[in-house]
Structure formats: structure tokens, C-alpha cells
Amino acid sequence: MKKKIINPFNNLDNPCFGCSVRNDAGLKMEFWDNGEGLVTEWAPRPEFQGYVGVLHGGIQATLLDEIASWTVYVKAGTAGVTSSMEVRYLRPVYLSRGPLHIVSRLDKREEKLAVIHTGLYDARQQLCTEARVQYFLFPEHIAREKYFYPGKKAFYGKDLT
């Protein structure tokens, strides 16, 4: 069963390109916890194309980096920054084929490092793009003090089960 992730940053003056509802030019991503990792559905828009009818590779990478960052918040229990990202573009992502399915999984969690695997699937469930994303993790008290990390419970509301 999937559980909707709350975006506690929407209560701040947060213009994040990836997740903010307040950024008209942004991606406005939302996430669900499926137990193993995070998932989202996202519908590509024409203004995000590179070649005619194909989603720009930079937007694909941004989608994967954004779901990885939310995986750090929710699954690693802190905030961090991308330290490296290895993207593999396997096939074109056509705008005309409908919403994309994007997934993440926390593969490794150490004191200062998280490794997240992400995948972007088209409406036909074909894997089009995948990435191995490494995040440098902040200690939770630093994430709270400097980066507005609200704690893991804030992403689920009152119930963490």
C-alpha cells in the first residue's frame, strides 16, 4: 500500500524547481512511500522537451535527483546534497506516451553517505533512464538548523506506521 508523502516545505517560501507548488515553471513533483522506496507519477509538458517530442535529458536527470533527495528525507531521516550522479539514458522518453512512473530505493546508508537507485519508466513500463545518486548527508541536527529539515514524522503527518 502506498502512503502519500506530505511536503512540509510548501509552508515555507520555497520556490524549489522540483517540488514546490509555488513555482509556476517547476516540476511540482509529489511522492508516495511504497515501503521499499518512493514512487511518483509525473506528466511531461511540451516546454520540457529537447528534441521535438522527447523529454530533455536534463529534466530527466532532475526528476531522478529530486526523487533521490526525497528518499534521503524520508528513508535516511535527514537532509543532504548530491555529491555524484551517474545517469544512464537507455531510450528516448516521448512526451506523447503519457505520464511517467519514477521510482527510488535507498541502497546504502552510512553516517555521511547515502546511495540511491532511481528509475524513470514510460507509460508502457519500459525503463528509459536510471541513475545511481550519491548524497552527502548532514547530521540531523545540522539538517534541522540550517536546511529546514522538519524530521521524518513531518513527511507522514502524525502517523509513521
N, C-alpha and C. Protein backbone atom coordinates (compact mmCIF):
# COMPACT_ATOMS: atom_id res chain seq x y z
N MET A 1 0.83 -1.18 0.00
CA MET A 1 0.00 0.00 0.00
C MET A 1 0.88 1.26 0.00
N LYS A 2 0.55 2.20 -0.85
CA LYS A 2 1.32 3.43 -0.94
C LYS A 2 0.78 4.46 0.06
N LYS A 3 1.71 5.22 0.63
CA LYS A 3 1.35 6.26 1.59
C LYS A 3 1.84 7.61 1.06
N LYS A 4 0.93 8.57 0.95
CA LYS A 4 1.26 9.90 0.43
C LYS A 4 2.26 10.59 1.35
N ILE A 5 3.28 11.17 0.73
CA ILE A 5 4.28 11.95 1.46
C ILE A 5 3.82 13.41 1.47
N ILE A 6 3.79 14.01 2.62
CA ILE A 6 3.42 15.42 2.78
C ILE A 6 4.65 16.27 2.45
N ASN A 7 4.44 17.39 1.77
CA ASN A 7 5.54 18.31 1.50
C ASN A 7 5.51 19.43 2.54
N PRO A 8 6.27 19.30 3.63
CA PRO A 8 6.25 20.32 4.67
C PRO A 8 6.91 21.62 4.24
N PHE A 9 7.65 21.59 3.14
CA PHE A 9 8.33 22.79 2.65
C PHE A 9 7.37 23.74 1.94
N ASN A 10 6.18 23.25 1.58
CA ASN A 10 5.19 24.13 0.95
C ASN A 10 4.70 25.20 1.91
N ASN A 11 4.93 25.01 3.21
CA ASN A 11 4.55 26.01 4.20
C ASN A 11 5.59 27.12 4.31
N LEU A 12 6.74 26.94 3.66
CA LEU A 12 7.80 27.95 3.65
C LEU A 12 7.73 28.72 2.34
N ASP A 13 8.50 29.78 2.24
CA ASP A 13 8.64 30.47 0.97
C ASP A 13 9.65 29.67 0.16
N ASN A 14 9.17 28.58 -0.46
CA ASN A 14 10.04 27.59 -1.08
C ASN A 14 9.79 27.53 -2.59
N PRO A 15 10.69 28.11 -3.40
CA PRO A 15 10.50 28.06 -4.85
C PRO A 15 11.19 26.87 -5.52
N CYS A 16 11.39 25.76 -4.83
CA CYS A 16 12.12 24.63 -5.39
C CYS A 16 11.58 24.25 -6.77
N PHE A 17 12.48 24.13 -7.74
CA PHE A 17 12.11 23.77 -9.10
C PHE A 17 11.48 22.38 -9.17
N GLY A 18 11.93 21.48 -8.31
CA GLY A 18 11.46 20.10 -8.37
C GLY A 18 10.12 19.86 -7.70
N CYS A 19 9.92 20.43 -6.50
CA CYS A 19 8.76 20.01 -5.71
C CYS A 19 7.79 21.11 -5.28
N SER A 20 8.14 22.36 -5.46
CA SER A 20 7.29 23.42 -4.94
C SER A 20 6.02 23.62 -5.77
N VAL A 21 4.91 23.77 -5.08
CA VAL A 21 3.67 24.12 -5.75
C VAL A 21 3.64 25.61 -6.09
N ARG A 22 4.59 26.35 -5.57
CA ARG A 22 4.64 27.81 -5.77
C ARG A 22 5.53 28.23 -6.93
N ASN A 23 6.13 27.29 -7.63
CA ASN A 23 6.99 27.62 -8.76
C ASN A 23 6.25 27.27 -10.05
N ASP A 24 5.72 28.28 -10.72
CA ASP A 24 4.94 28.04 -11.93
C ASP A 24 5.74 27.35 -13.03
N ALA A 25 7.04 27.58 -13.08
CA ALA A 25 7.89 26.97 -14.10
C ALA A 25 8.40 25.60 -13.68
N GLY A 26 8.12 25.18 -12.45
CA GLY A 26 8.71 23.96 -11.90
C GLY A 26 8.01 22.68 -12.26
N LEU A 27 8.53 21.59 -11.71
CA LEU A 27 8.04 20.25 -11.99
C LEU A 27 6.87 19.84 -11.09
N LYS A 28 6.75 20.46 -9.92
CA LYS A 28 5.63 20.21 -8.97
C LYS A 28 5.47 18.72 -8.64
N MET A 29 6.58 18.06 -8.35
CA MET A 29 6.55 16.63 -8.06
C MET A 29 5.93 16.35 -6.69
N GLU A 30 5.22 15.23 -6.61
CA GLU A 30 4.66 14.71 -5.36
C GLU A 30 5.13 13.27 -5.24
N PHE A 31 5.17 12.76 -4.00
CA PHE A 31 5.76 11.45 -3.78
C PHE A 31 4.88 10.58 -2.87
N TRP A 32 5.05 9.26 -3.03
CA TRP A 32 4.38 8.26 -2.21
C TRP A 32 5.43 7.26 -1.76
N ASP A 33 5.28 6.77 -0.54
CA ASP A 33 6.14 5.74 0.02
C ASP A 33 5.46 4.40 -0.25
N ASN A 34 6.15 3.51 -0.96
CA ASN A 34 5.56 2.20 -1.24
C ASN A 34 6.17 1.10 -0.35
N GLY A 35 6.88 1.52 0.70
CA GLY A 35 7.52 0.56 1.59
C GLY A 35 8.98 0.35 1.23
N GLU A 36 9.24 0.01 -0.01
CA GLU A 36 10.61 -0.22 -0.47
C GLU A 36 11.34 1.08 -0.76
N GLY A 37 10.63 2.06 -1.21
CA GLY A 37 11.22 3.35 -1.60
C GLY A 37 10.12 4.34 -1.89
N LEU A 38 10.42 5.31 -2.74
CA LEU A 38 9.43 6.30 -3.12
C LEU A 38 9.04 6.11 -4.58
N VAL A 39 7.83 6.54 -4.89
CA VAL A 39 7.32 6.48 -6.26
C VAL A 39 6.59 7.78 -6.56
N THR A 40 6.49 8.08 -7.84
CA THR A 40 5.68 9.21 -8.28
C THR A 40 5.25 8.99 -9.72
N GLU A 41 4.17 9.63 -10.07
CA GLU A 41 3.73 9.72 -11.46
C GLU A 41 3.91 11.19 -11.84
N TRP A 42 4.41 11.43 -13.04
CA TRP A 42 4.65 12.80 -13.48
C TRP A 42 4.37 12.88 -14.97
N ALA A 43 3.56 13.87 -15.35
CA ALA A 43 3.19 14.05 -16.75
C ALA A 43 4.09 15.10 -17.40
N PRO A 44 4.87 14.70 -18.41
CA PRO A 44 5.76 15.66 -19.07
C PRO A 44 4.96 16.69 -19.86
N ARG A 45 5.47 17.92 -19.88
CA ARG A 45 4.82 19.01 -20.60
C ARG A 45 5.72 19.43 -21.77
N PRO A 46 5.13 19.98 -22.83
CA PRO A 46 5.90 20.35 -24.03
C PRO A 46 7.06 21.30 -23.77
N GLU A 47 6.95 22.16 -22.77
CA GLU A 47 8.04 23.11 -22.51
C GLU A 47 9.29 22.43 -21.94
N PHE A 48 9.21 21.14 -21.63
CA PHE A 48 10.36 20.41 -21.11
C PHE A 48 11.01 19.50 -22.16
N GLN A 49 10.70 19.71 -23.43
CA GLN A 49 11.28 18.85 -24.45
C GLN A 49 12.64 19.36 -24.91
N GLY A 50 13.44 18.44 -25.39
CA GLY A 50 14.72 18.74 -26.03
C GLY A 50 14.49 18.63 -27.52
N TYR A 51 14.74 17.40 -28.06
CA TYR A 51 14.31 17.15 -29.44
C TYR A 51 12.79 17.20 -29.47
N VAL A 52 12.24 17.48 -30.63
CA VAL A 52 10.79 17.58 -30.76
C VAL A 52 10.13 16.30 -30.26
N GLY A 53 9.26 16.44 -29.29
CA GLY A 53 8.50 15.31 -28.77
C GLY A 53 9.23 14.44 -27.77
N VAL A 54 10.46 14.81 -27.40
CA VAL A 54 11.28 14.00 -26.48
C VAL A 54 11.64 14.83 -25.24
N LEU A 55 11.47 14.25 -24.08
CA LEU A 55 11.79 14.93 -22.83
C LEU A 55 13.29 15.21 -22.75
N HIS A 56 13.64 16.43 -22.42
CA HIS A 56 15.04 16.86 -22.33
C HIS A 56 15.78 16.00 -21.30
N GLY A 57 16.99 15.62 -21.62
CA GLY A 57 17.80 14.78 -20.74
C GLY A 57 18.08 15.44 -19.40
N GLY A 58 18.25 16.74 -19.38
CA GLY A 58 18.48 17.45 -18.11
C GLY A 58 17.27 17.40 -17.20
N ILE A 59 16.09 17.45 -17.79
CA ILE A 59 14.86 17.33 -16.99
C ILE A 59 14.75 15.91 -16.45
N GLN A 60 15.11 14.92 -17.26
CA GLN A 60 15.09 13.53 -16.77
C GLN A 60 16.01 13.39 -15.56
N ALA A 61 17.22 13.95 -15.67
CA ALA A 61 18.17 13.88 -14.55
C ALA A 61 17.62 14.61 -13.33
N THR A 62 16.96 15.73 -13.54
CA THR A 62 16.39 16.48 -12.43
C THR A 62 15.29 15.68 -11.73
N LEU A 63 14.43 15.03 -12.50
CA LEU A 63 13.39 14.18 -11.91
C LEU A 63 14.00 13.10 -11.02
N LEU A 64 15.07 12.49 -11.49
CA LEU A 64 15.71 11.42 -10.72
C LEU A 64 16.44 11.96 -9.49
N ASP A 65 17.07 13.12 -9.63
CA ASP A 65 17.75 13.73 -8.49
C ASP A 65 16.73 14.17 -7.43
N GLU A 66 15.59 14.67 -7.86
CA GLU A 66 14.57 15.14 -6.91
C GLU A 66 13.99 13.98 -6.11
N ILE A 67 13.66 12.88 -6.77
CA ILE A 67 13.12 11.75 -6.01
C ILE A 67 14.19 11.17 -5.08
N ALA A 68 15.46 11.25 -5.49
CA ALA A 68 16.56 10.80 -4.62
C ALA A 68 16.64 11.67 -3.37
N SER A 69 16.48 12.98 -3.54
CA SER A 69 16.56 13.87 -2.37
C SER A 69 15.42 13.59 -1.39
N TRP A 70 14.25 13.32 -1.90
CA TRP A 70 13.12 12.99 -1.03
C TRP A 70 13.31 11.63 -0.37
N THR A 71 14.03 10.74 -1.02
CA THR A 71 14.36 9.46 -0.42
C THR A 71 15.30 9.67 0.77
N VAL A 72 16.21 10.62 0.64
CA VAL A 72 17.09 10.97 1.76
C VAL A 72 16.25 11.50 2.93
N TYR A 73 15.33 12.41 2.66
CA TYR A 73 14.48 12.96 3.73
C TYR A 73 13.72 11.86 4.46
N VAL A 74 13.06 11.01 3.68
CA VAL A 74 12.09 10.07 4.23
C VAL A 74 12.71 8.76 4.68
N LYS A 75 13.65 8.23 3.92
CA LYS A 75 14.21 6.91 4.23
C LYS A 75 15.52 7.00 5.03
N ALA A 76 16.34 8.03 4.78
CA ALA A 76 17.59 8.18 5.53
C ALA A 76 17.39 9.04 6.76
N GLY A 77 16.30 9.79 6.83
CA GLY A 77 15.98 10.55 8.03
C GLY A 77 16.81 11.79 8.25
N THR A 78 17.22 12.45 7.18
CA THR A 78 17.99 13.69 7.30
C THR A 78 17.92 14.42 5.96
N ALA A 79 18.73 15.45 5.81
CA ALA A 79 18.88 16.16 4.54
C ALA A 79 20.31 15.98 4.05
N GLY A 80 20.52 16.27 2.79
CA GLY A 80 21.85 16.16 2.22
C GLY A 80 21.92 16.87 0.90
N VAL A 81 23.06 16.74 0.25
CA VAL A 81 23.26 17.31 -1.08
C VAL A 81 23.83 16.25 -2.01
N THR A 82 23.49 16.36 -3.27
CA THR A 82 24.00 15.43 -4.27
C THR A 82 25.51 15.57 -4.35
N SER A 83 26.22 14.47 -4.19
CA SER A 83 27.68 14.52 -4.34
C SER A 83 28.11 13.91 -5.67
N SER A 84 27.34 12.98 -6.20
CA SER A 84 27.59 12.47 -7.55
C SER A 84 26.32 11.81 -8.08
N MET A 85 26.24 11.77 -9.40
CA MET A 85 25.07 11.19 -10.03
C MET A 85 25.50 10.59 -11.36
N GLU A 86 25.31 9.29 -11.48
CA GLU A 86 25.63 8.60 -12.73
C GLU A 86 24.32 8.23 -13.41
N VAL A 87 24.04 8.91 -14.53
CA VAL A 87 22.78 8.73 -15.25
C VAL A 87 23.03 7.87 -16.48
N ARG A 88 22.13 6.93 -16.70
CA ARG A 88 22.17 6.11 -17.92
C ARG A 88 20.86 6.35 -18.68
N TYR A 89 21.00 6.90 -19.88
CA TYR A 89 19.85 7.14 -20.76
C TYR A 89 19.72 5.92 -21.67
N LEU A 90 18.66 5.16 -21.46
CA LEU A 90 18.51 3.88 -22.15
C LEU A 90 17.65 3.96 -23.41
N ARG A 91 16.66 4.83 -23.40
CA ARG A 91 15.78 5.03 -24.56
C ARG A 91 15.13 6.40 -24.45
N PRO A 92 14.67 6.95 -25.56
CA PRO A 92 14.02 8.26 -25.51
C PRO A 92 12.74 8.23 -24.68
N VAL A 93 12.45 9.34 -24.03
CA VAL A 93 11.21 9.49 -23.27
C VAL A 93 10.31 10.41 -24.10
N TYR A 94 9.30 9.80 -24.73
CA TYR A 94 8.40 10.55 -25.62
C TYR A 94 7.30 11.23 -24.82
N LEU A 95 7.08 12.50 -25.11
CA LEU A 95 6.05 13.27 -24.41
C LEU A 95 4.66 12.73 -24.68
N SER A 96 4.44 12.18 -25.84
CA SER A 96 3.09 11.76 -26.27
C SER A 96 2.62 10.46 -25.65
N ARG A 97 3.46 9.78 -24.89
CA ARG A 97 3.08 8.47 -24.37
C ARG A 97 2.46 8.51 -22.98
N GLY A 98 2.24 9.69 -22.44
CA GLY A 98 1.54 9.79 -21.17
C GLY A 98 2.47 9.92 -19.98
N PRO A 99 1.88 9.81 -18.79
CA PRO A 99 2.62 10.03 -17.54
C PRO A 99 3.77 9.04 -17.36
N LEU A 100 4.79 9.53 -16.69
CA LEU A 100 5.96 8.73 -16.37
C LEU A 100 5.83 8.18 -14.96
N HIS A 101 6.45 7.05 -14.73
CA HIS A 101 6.48 6.41 -13.41
C HIS A 101 7.94 6.47 -12.96
N ILE A 102 8.19 7.10 -11.81
CA ILE A 102 9.55 7.30 -11.32
C ILE A 102 9.67 6.65 -9.95
N VAL A 103 10.75 5.91 -9.74
CA VAL A 103 10.93 5.14 -8.51
C VAL A 103 12.31 5.40 -7.90
N SER A 104 12.41 5.17 -6.60
CA SER A 104 13.70 5.26 -5.93
C SER A 104 13.80 4.20 -4.85
N ARG A 105 15.04 3.88 -4.51
CA ARG A 105 15.31 2.90 -3.46
C ARG A 105 16.61 3.29 -2.78
N LEU A 106 16.60 3.34 -1.46
CA LEU A 106 17.82 3.60 -0.70
C LEU A 106 18.63 2.32 -0.65
N ASP A 107 19.76 2.29 -1.35
CA ASP A 107 20.59 1.08 -1.42
C ASP A 107 21.60 1.00 -0.28
N LYS A 108 22.07 2.17 0.19
CA LYS A 108 23.12 2.17 1.20
C LYS A 108 22.99 3.44 2.04
N ARG A 109 23.15 3.28 3.35
CA ARG A 109 23.09 4.43 4.27
C ARG A 109 24.24 4.30 5.24
N GLU A 110 25.15 5.25 5.18
CA GLU A 110 26.25 5.34 6.14
C GLU A 110 26.09 6.66 6.88
N GLU A 111 27.02 6.94 7.77
CA GLU A 111 26.92 8.16 8.57
C GLU A 111 26.82 9.42 7.71
N LYS A 112 27.68 9.52 6.69
CA LYS A 112 27.73 10.74 5.87
C LYS A 112 27.40 10.50 4.40
N LEU A 113 26.91 9.31 4.06
CA LEU A 113 26.68 8.97 2.66
C LEU A 113 25.42 8.13 2.50
N ALA A 114 24.66 8.46 1.46
CA ALA A 114 23.54 7.62 1.05
C ALA A 114 23.69 7.35 -0.44
N VAL A 115 23.37 6.13 -0.84
CA VAL A 115 23.36 5.76 -2.25
C VAL A 115 21.94 5.36 -2.60
N ILE A 116 21.41 6.02 -3.61
CA ILE A 116 20.01 5.81 -4.01
C ILE A 116 19.99 5.38 -5.46
N HIS A 117 19.21 4.35 -5.75
CA HIS A 117 18.98 3.94 -7.14
C HIS A 117 17.63 4.50 -7.57
N THR A 118 17.60 5.11 -8.76
CA THR A 118 16.37 5.69 -9.27
C THR A 118 16.11 5.17 -10.68
N GLY A 119 14.84 5.15 -11.05
CA GLY A 119 14.48 4.73 -12.40
C GLY A 119 13.29 5.52 -12.92
N LEU A 120 13.31 5.82 -14.21
CA LEU A 120 12.23 6.54 -14.87
C LEU A 120 11.66 5.63 -15.94
N TYR A 121 10.37 5.32 -15.81
CA TYR A 121 9.68 4.41 -16.72
C TYR A 121 8.64 5.17 -17.51
N ASP A 122 8.47 4.80 -18.78
CA ASP A 122 7.42 5.44 -19.56
C ASP A 122 6.07 4.77 -19.27
N ALA A 123 5.04 5.26 -19.93
CA ALA A 123 3.68 4.73 -19.68
C ALA A 123 3.55 3.26 -20.08
N ARG A 124 4.46 2.78 -20.89
CA ARG A 124 4.46 1.36 -21.29
C ARG A 124 5.28 0.51 -20.31
N GLN A 125 5.71 1.13 -19.22
CA GLN A 125 6.53 0.48 -18.18
C GLN A 125 7.90 0.05 -18.68
N GLN A 126 8.42 0.74 -19.69
CA GLN A 126 9.78 0.49 -20.15
C GLN A 126 10.73 1.42 -19.39
N LEU A 127 11.81 0.84 -18.86
CA LEU A 127 12.82 1.65 -18.19
C LEU A 127 13.53 2.49 -19.24
N CYS A 128 13.44 3.81 -19.11
CA CYS A 128 14.05 4.73 -20.07
C CYS A 128 15.33 5.35 -19.55
N THR A 129 15.36 5.66 -18.27
CA THR A 129 16.50 6.34 -17.67
C THR A 129 16.67 5.82 -16.25
N GLU A 130 17.91 5.64 -15.84
CA GLU A 130 18.17 5.25 -14.46
C GLU A 130 19.39 6.00 -13.96
N ALA A 131 19.49 6.12 -12.66
CA ALA A 131 20.63 6.82 -12.08
C ALA A 131 21.00 6.21 -10.73
N ARG A 132 22.28 6.26 -10.47
CA ARG A 132 22.83 5.94 -9.15
C ARG A 132 23.25 7.29 -8.58
N VAL A 133 22.59 7.68 -7.51
CA VAL A 133 22.81 9.01 -6.94
C VAL A 133 23.44 8.86 -5.56
N GLN A 134 24.54 9.55 -5.35
CA GLN A 134 25.18 9.57 -4.03
C GLN A 134 24.90 10.92 -3.39
N TYR A 135 24.48 10.87 -2.15
CA TYR A 135 24.21 12.08 -1.38
C TYR A 135 25.16 12.16 -0.20
N PHE A 136 25.73 13.34 0.00
CA PHE A 136 26.44 13.64 1.24
C PHE A 136 25.36 13.99 2.26
N LEU A 137 25.36 13.31 3.39
CA LEU A 137 24.33 13.51 4.42
C LEU A 137 24.81 14.45 5.51
N PHE A 138 23.90 15.32 5.93
CA PHE A 138 24.16 16.17 7.08
C PHE A 138 23.71 15.45 8.34
N PRO A 139 24.39 15.64 9.46
CA PRO A 139 23.84 15.14 10.71
C PRO A 139 22.45 15.78 10.90
N GLU A 140 21.54 15.04 11.48
CA GLU A 140 20.16 15.53 11.56
C GLU A 140 20.06 16.90 12.23
N HIS A 141 20.85 17.16 13.28
CA HIS A 141 20.74 18.47 13.94
C HIS A 141 21.18 19.60 13.01
N ILE A 142 22.14 19.37 12.14
CA ILE A 142 22.56 20.38 11.15
C ILE A 142 21.47 20.54 10.09
N ALA A 143 20.89 19.43 9.65
CA ALA A 143 19.80 19.49 8.67
C ALA A 143 18.63 20.31 9.20
N ARG A 144 18.34 20.14 10.49
CA ARG A 144 17.24 20.91 11.10
C ARG A 144 17.59 22.38 11.24
N GLU A 145 18.83 22.68 11.70
CA GLU A 145 19.24 24.06 11.97
C GLU A 145 19.43 24.89 10.71
N LYS A 146 20.04 24.30 9.70
CA LYS A 146 20.45 25.09 8.52
C LYS A 146 19.60 24.86 7.28
N TYR A 147 18.93 23.72 7.19
CA TYR A 147 18.26 23.37 5.94
C TYR A 147 16.76 23.09 6.11
N PHE A 148 16.22 23.51 7.23
CA PHE A 148 14.77 23.44 7.49
C PHE A 148 14.23 22.02 7.47
N TYR A 149 15.08 21.03 7.71
CA TYR A 149 14.61 19.65 7.77
C TYR A 149 13.69 19.52 8.98
N PRO A 150 12.43 19.12 8.76
CA PRO A 150 11.47 19.09 9.86
C PRO A 150 11.42 17.79 10.66
N GLY A 151 12.22 16.81 10.28
CA GLY A 151 12.16 15.49 10.92
C GLY A 151 11.28 14.57 10.10
N LYS A 152 11.55 13.29 10.22
CA LYS A 152 10.89 12.27 9.40
C LYS A 152 9.36 12.26 9.56
N LYS A 153 8.89 12.47 10.77
CA LYS A 153 7.44 12.41 11.02
C LYS A 153 6.67 13.45 10.23
N ALA A 154 7.28 14.60 9.94
CA ALA A 154 6.59 15.67 9.23
C ALA A 154 6.17 15.26 7.82
N PHE A 155 6.82 14.27 7.24
CA PHE A 155 6.50 13.84 5.88
C PHE A 155 5.31 12.88 5.84
N TYR A 156 4.96 12.37 7.01
CA TYR A 156 3.85 11.42 7.11
C TYR A 156 2.67 11.95 7.90
N GLY A 157 2.77 13.15 8.40
CA GLY A 157 1.77 13.64 9.32
C GLY A 157 2.07 13.07 10.70
N LYS A 158 1.06 12.75 11.44
CA LYS A 158 1.26 12.26 12.81
C LYS A 158 1.57 10.78 12.86
N ASP A 159 1.22 10.03 11.82
CA ASP A 159 1.35 8.57 11.86
C ASP A 159 2.53 8.11 11.01
N LEU A 160 3.51 7.50 11.62
CA LEU A 160 4.67 6.98 10.90
C LEU A 160 4.54 5.51 10.55
N THR A 161 3.48 4.86 10.92
CA THR A 161 3.36 3.42 10.65
C THR A 161 2.96 3.13 9.24
